[in-house]
C-alpha atoms as a PDB file:
ATOM      1  CA  MET A   1     -59.186 -34.577  59.802  1.00  0.00           C
ATOM      2  CA  LYS A   2     -59.583 -30.800  60.059  1.00  0.00           C
ATOM      3  CA  ILE A   3     -62.166 -30.779  62.851  1.00  0.00           C
ATOM      4  CA  LYS A   4     -60.853 -30.787  66.420  1.00  0.00           C
ATOM      5  CA  LYS A   5     -62.221 -31.073  69.937  1.00  0.00           C
ATOM      6  CA  GLY A   6     -63.860 -27.820  71.035  1.00  0.00           C
ATOM      7  CA  ASP A   7     -64.871 -26.666  67.535  1.00  0.00           C
ATOM      8  CA  LYS A   8     -68.409 -25.390  67.072  1.00  0.00           C
ATOM      9  CA  VAL A   9     -70.002 -27.367  64.248  1.00  0.00           C
ATOM     10  CA  VAL A  10     -73.336 -27.681  62.474  1.00  0.00           C
ATOM     11  CA  VAL A  11     -74.766 -30.958  61.178  1.00  0.00           C
ATOM     12  CA  ILE A  12     -75.233 -30.739  57.398  1.00  0.00           C
ATOM     13  CA  ALA A  13     -76.681 -34.217  56.719  1.00  0.00           C
ATOM     14  CA  GLY A  14     -78.644 -36.917  58.499  1.00  0.00           C
ATOM     15  CA  ALA A  15     -81.488 -37.058  60.982  1.00  0.00           C
ATOM     16  CA  ASP A  16     -80.098 -34.184  63.091  1.00  0.00           C
ATOM     17  CA  LYS A  17     -79.535 -31.843  60.128  1.00  0.00           C
ATOM     18  CA  GLY A  18     -79.354 -28.188  61.195  1.00  0.00           C
ATOM     19  CA  LYS A  19     -78.398 -28.794  64.825  1.00  0.00           C
ATOM     20  CA  GLU A  20     -75.329 -27.041  66.227  1.00  0.00           C
ATOM     21  CA  GLY A  21     -73.019 -28.218  68.969  1.00  0.00           C
ATOM     22  CA  ILE A  22     -69.486 -28.423  70.314  1.00  0.00           C
ATOM     23  CA  VAL A  23     -67.237 -31.353  69.385  1.00  0.00           C
ATOM     24  CA  GLN A  24     -66.695 -33.393  72.566  1.00  0.00           C
ATOM     25  CA  ARG A  25     -64.416 -36.110  71.170  1.00  0.00           C
ATOM     26  CA  THR A  26     -62.806 -37.117  67.895  1.00  0.00           C
ATOM     27  CA  PHE A  27     -61.934 -40.522  66.460  1.00  0.00           C
ATOM     28  CA  PRO A  28     -59.427 -39.782  63.637  1.00  0.00           C
ATOM     29  CA  SER A  29     -58.893 -43.439  62.731  1.00  0.00           C
ATOM     30  CA  LEU A  30     -62.649 -43.901  62.195  1.00  0.00           C
ATOM     31  CA  ASP A  31     -63.266 -40.380  60.764  1.00  0.00           C
ATOM     32  CA  LYS A  32     -65.986 -39.806  63.372  1.00  0.00           C
ATOM     33  CA  VAL A  33     -66.785 -37.116  65.931  1.00  0.00           C
ATOM     34  CA  VAL A  34     -69.040 -36.885  68.986  1.00  0.00           C
ATOM     35  CA  VAL A  35     -71.057 -33.659  69.040  1.00  0.00           C
ATOM     36  CA  GLU A  36     -72.908 -32.432  72.117  1.00  0.00           C
ATOM     37  CA  GLY A  37     -76.684 -32.662  71.654  1.00  0.00           C
ATOM     38  CA  VAL A  38     -76.509 -34.600  68.375  1.00  0.00           C
ATOM     39  CA  ALA A  39     -77.199 -38.327  67.793  1.00  0.00           C
ATOM     40  CA  VAL A  40     -78.587 -38.868  71.291  1.00  0.00           C
ATOM     41  CA  ARG A  41     -79.191 -42.539  72.049  1.00  0.00           C
ATOM     42  CA  LYS A  42     -80.721 -44.208  75.093  1.00  0.00           C
ATOM     43  CA  LYS A  43     -78.807 -46.961  76.887  1.00  0.00           C
ATOM     44  CA  HIS A  44     -80.637 -49.175  79.356  1.00  0.00           C
ATOM     45  CA  LYS A  45     -78.653 -50.215  82.433  1.00  0.00           C
ATOM     46  CA  LYS A  46     -79.638 -53.347  84.313  1.00  0.00           C
ATOM     47  CA  PRO A  47     -80.504 -53.147  88.009  1.00  0.00           C
ATOM     48  CA  THR A  48     -77.604 -53.673  90.404  1.00  0.00           C
ATOM     49  CA  GLN A  49     -77.306 -53.803  94.189  1.00  0.00           C
ATOM     50  CA  GLN A  50     -76.246 -50.149  94.261  1.00  0.00           C
ATOM     51  CA  ASN A  51     -79.054 -49.149  91.855  1.00  0.00           C
ATOM     52  CA  PRO A  52     -81.912 -51.629  92.281  1.00  0.00           C
ATOM     53  CA  GLU A  53     -84.229 -49.841  89.829  1.00  0.00           C
ATOM     54  CA  GLY A  54     -81.818 -49.631  86.910  1.00  0.00           C
ATOM     55  CA  THR A  55     -81.519 -46.533  84.743  1.00  0.00           C
ATOM     56  CA  ILE A  56     -81.858 -45.223  81.222  1.00  0.00           C
ATOM     57  CA  LEU A  57     -78.820 -43.165  80.200  1.00  0.00           C
ATOM     58  CA  GLU A  58     -78.657 -40.739  77.299  1.00  0.00           C
ATOM     59  CA  ILE A  59     -75.381 -41.045  75.401  1.00  0.00           C
ATOM     60  CA  TYR A  60     -74.039 -39.199  72.353  1.00  0.00           C
ATOM     61  CA  ALA A  61     -73.235 -41.530  69.474  1.00  0.00           C
ATOM     62  CA  PRO A  62     -70.400 -40.666  67.058  1.00  0.00           C
ATOM     63  CA  ILE A  63     -71.314 -39.377  63.592  1.00  0.00           C
ATOM     64  CA  HIS A  64     -69.171 -39.273  60.466  1.00  0.00           C
ATOM     65  CA  VAL A  65     -67.017 -36.177  60.067  1.00  0.00           C
ATOM     66  CA  SER A  66     -68.366 -35.601  56.541  1.00  0.00           C
ATOM     67  CA  ASN A  67     -71.799 -34.884  58.025  1.00  0.00           C
ATOM     68  CA  VAL A  68     -70.608 -31.844  60.003  1.00  0.00           C
ATOM     69  CA  ALA A  69     -69.168 -28.467  59.029  1.00  0.00           C
ATOM     70  CA  VAL A  70     -67.340 -25.893  61.141  1.00  0.00           C
ATOM     71  CA  VAL A  71     -69.283 -22.728  61.998  1.00  0.00           C
ATOM     72  CA  ASP A  72     -67.450 -19.607  60.789  1.00  0.00           C
ATOM     73  CA  PRO A  73     -66.853 -17.253  63.759  1.00  0.00           C
ATOM     74  CA  LYS A  74     -67.519 -14.134  61.640  1.00  0.00           C
ATOM     75  CA  THR A  75     -70.506 -15.140  59.471  1.00  0.00           C
ATOM     76  CA  LYS A  76     -72.012 -17.738  61.867  1.00  0.00           C
ATOM     77  CA  LYS A  77     -72.607 -20.073  58.902  1.00  0.00           C
ATOM     78  CA  ALA A  78     -71.217 -23.473  57.935  1.00  0.00           C
ATOM     79  CA  THR A  79     -67.917 -23.322  56.081  1.00  0.00           C
ATOM     80  CA  ARG A  80     -65.072 -25.512  54.952  1.00  0.00           C
ATOM     81  CA  VAL A  81     -61.660 -25.462  56.617  1.00  0.00           C
ATOM     82  CA  GLY A  82     -58.289 -24.991  54.951  1.00  0.00           C
ATOM     83  CA  ILE A  83     -54.700 -24.888  56.168  1.00  0.00           C
ATOM     84  CA  GLU A  84     -52.315 -21.973  55.638  1.00  0.00           C
ATOM     85  CA  VAL A  85     -48.725 -21.502  56.731  1.00  0.00           C
ATOM     86  CA  ILE A  86     -48.353 -18.310  58.754  1.00  0.00           C
ATOM     87  CA  LYS A  87     -44.922 -17.453  60.210  1.00  0.00           C
ATOM     88  CA  GLY A  88     -43.762 -21.025  59.672  1.00  0.00           C
ATOM     89  CA  LYS A  89     -46.718 -22.614  61.490  1.00  0.00           C
ATOM     90  CA  LYS A  90     -49.693 -24.428  60.021  1.00  0.00           C
ATOM     91  CA  VAL A  91     -52.929 -22.703  60.975  1.00  0.00           C
ATOM     92  CA  ARG A  92     -56.524 -23.753  60.270  1.00  0.00           C
ATOM     93  CA  VAL A  93     -58.514 -21.036  58.501  1.00  0.00           C
ATOM     94  CA  THR A  94     -62.083 -20.869  57.268  1.00  0.00           C
ATOM     95  CA  LYS A  95     -62.624 -20.801  53.516  1.00  0.00           C
ATOM     96  CA  ALA A  96     -65.465 -18.257  53.659  1.00  0.00           C
ATOM     97  CA  SER A  97     -63.885 -15.391  55.620  1.00  0.00           C
ATOM     98  CA  LYS A  98     -60.240 -16.514  56.006  1.00  0.00           C
ATOM     99  CA  SER A  99     -60.516 -16.181  59.804  1.00  0.00           C
ATOM    100  CA  LYS A 100     -58.187 -18.276  61.990  1.00  0.00           C
ATOM    101  CA  LEU A 101     -59.533 -21.182  64.044  1.00  0.00           C
ATOM    102  CA  ASP A 102     -56.383 -21.987  66.044  1.00  0.00           C
END
């Protein structure tokens, strides 16, 4: 998976298409990511002694990594990510402008 925590991404498919956000968490084994402000779901919490009224929480649901694309820092558009070896280290680079992400 070439998308990491902290990357700025744009949703390219699904109900939230066009929204941008920062990756909060990744699930490499499931090929899913949690993006801030995308796939917001409401979770109802039952009343407890500490909170007798109960609450409705907004949580971010994970979406499949194929539905997001990294935003190129130079062009500010969605782009694919590749890997190049620079000085013996693997570095993530954008396909559009060849700018480094790491």
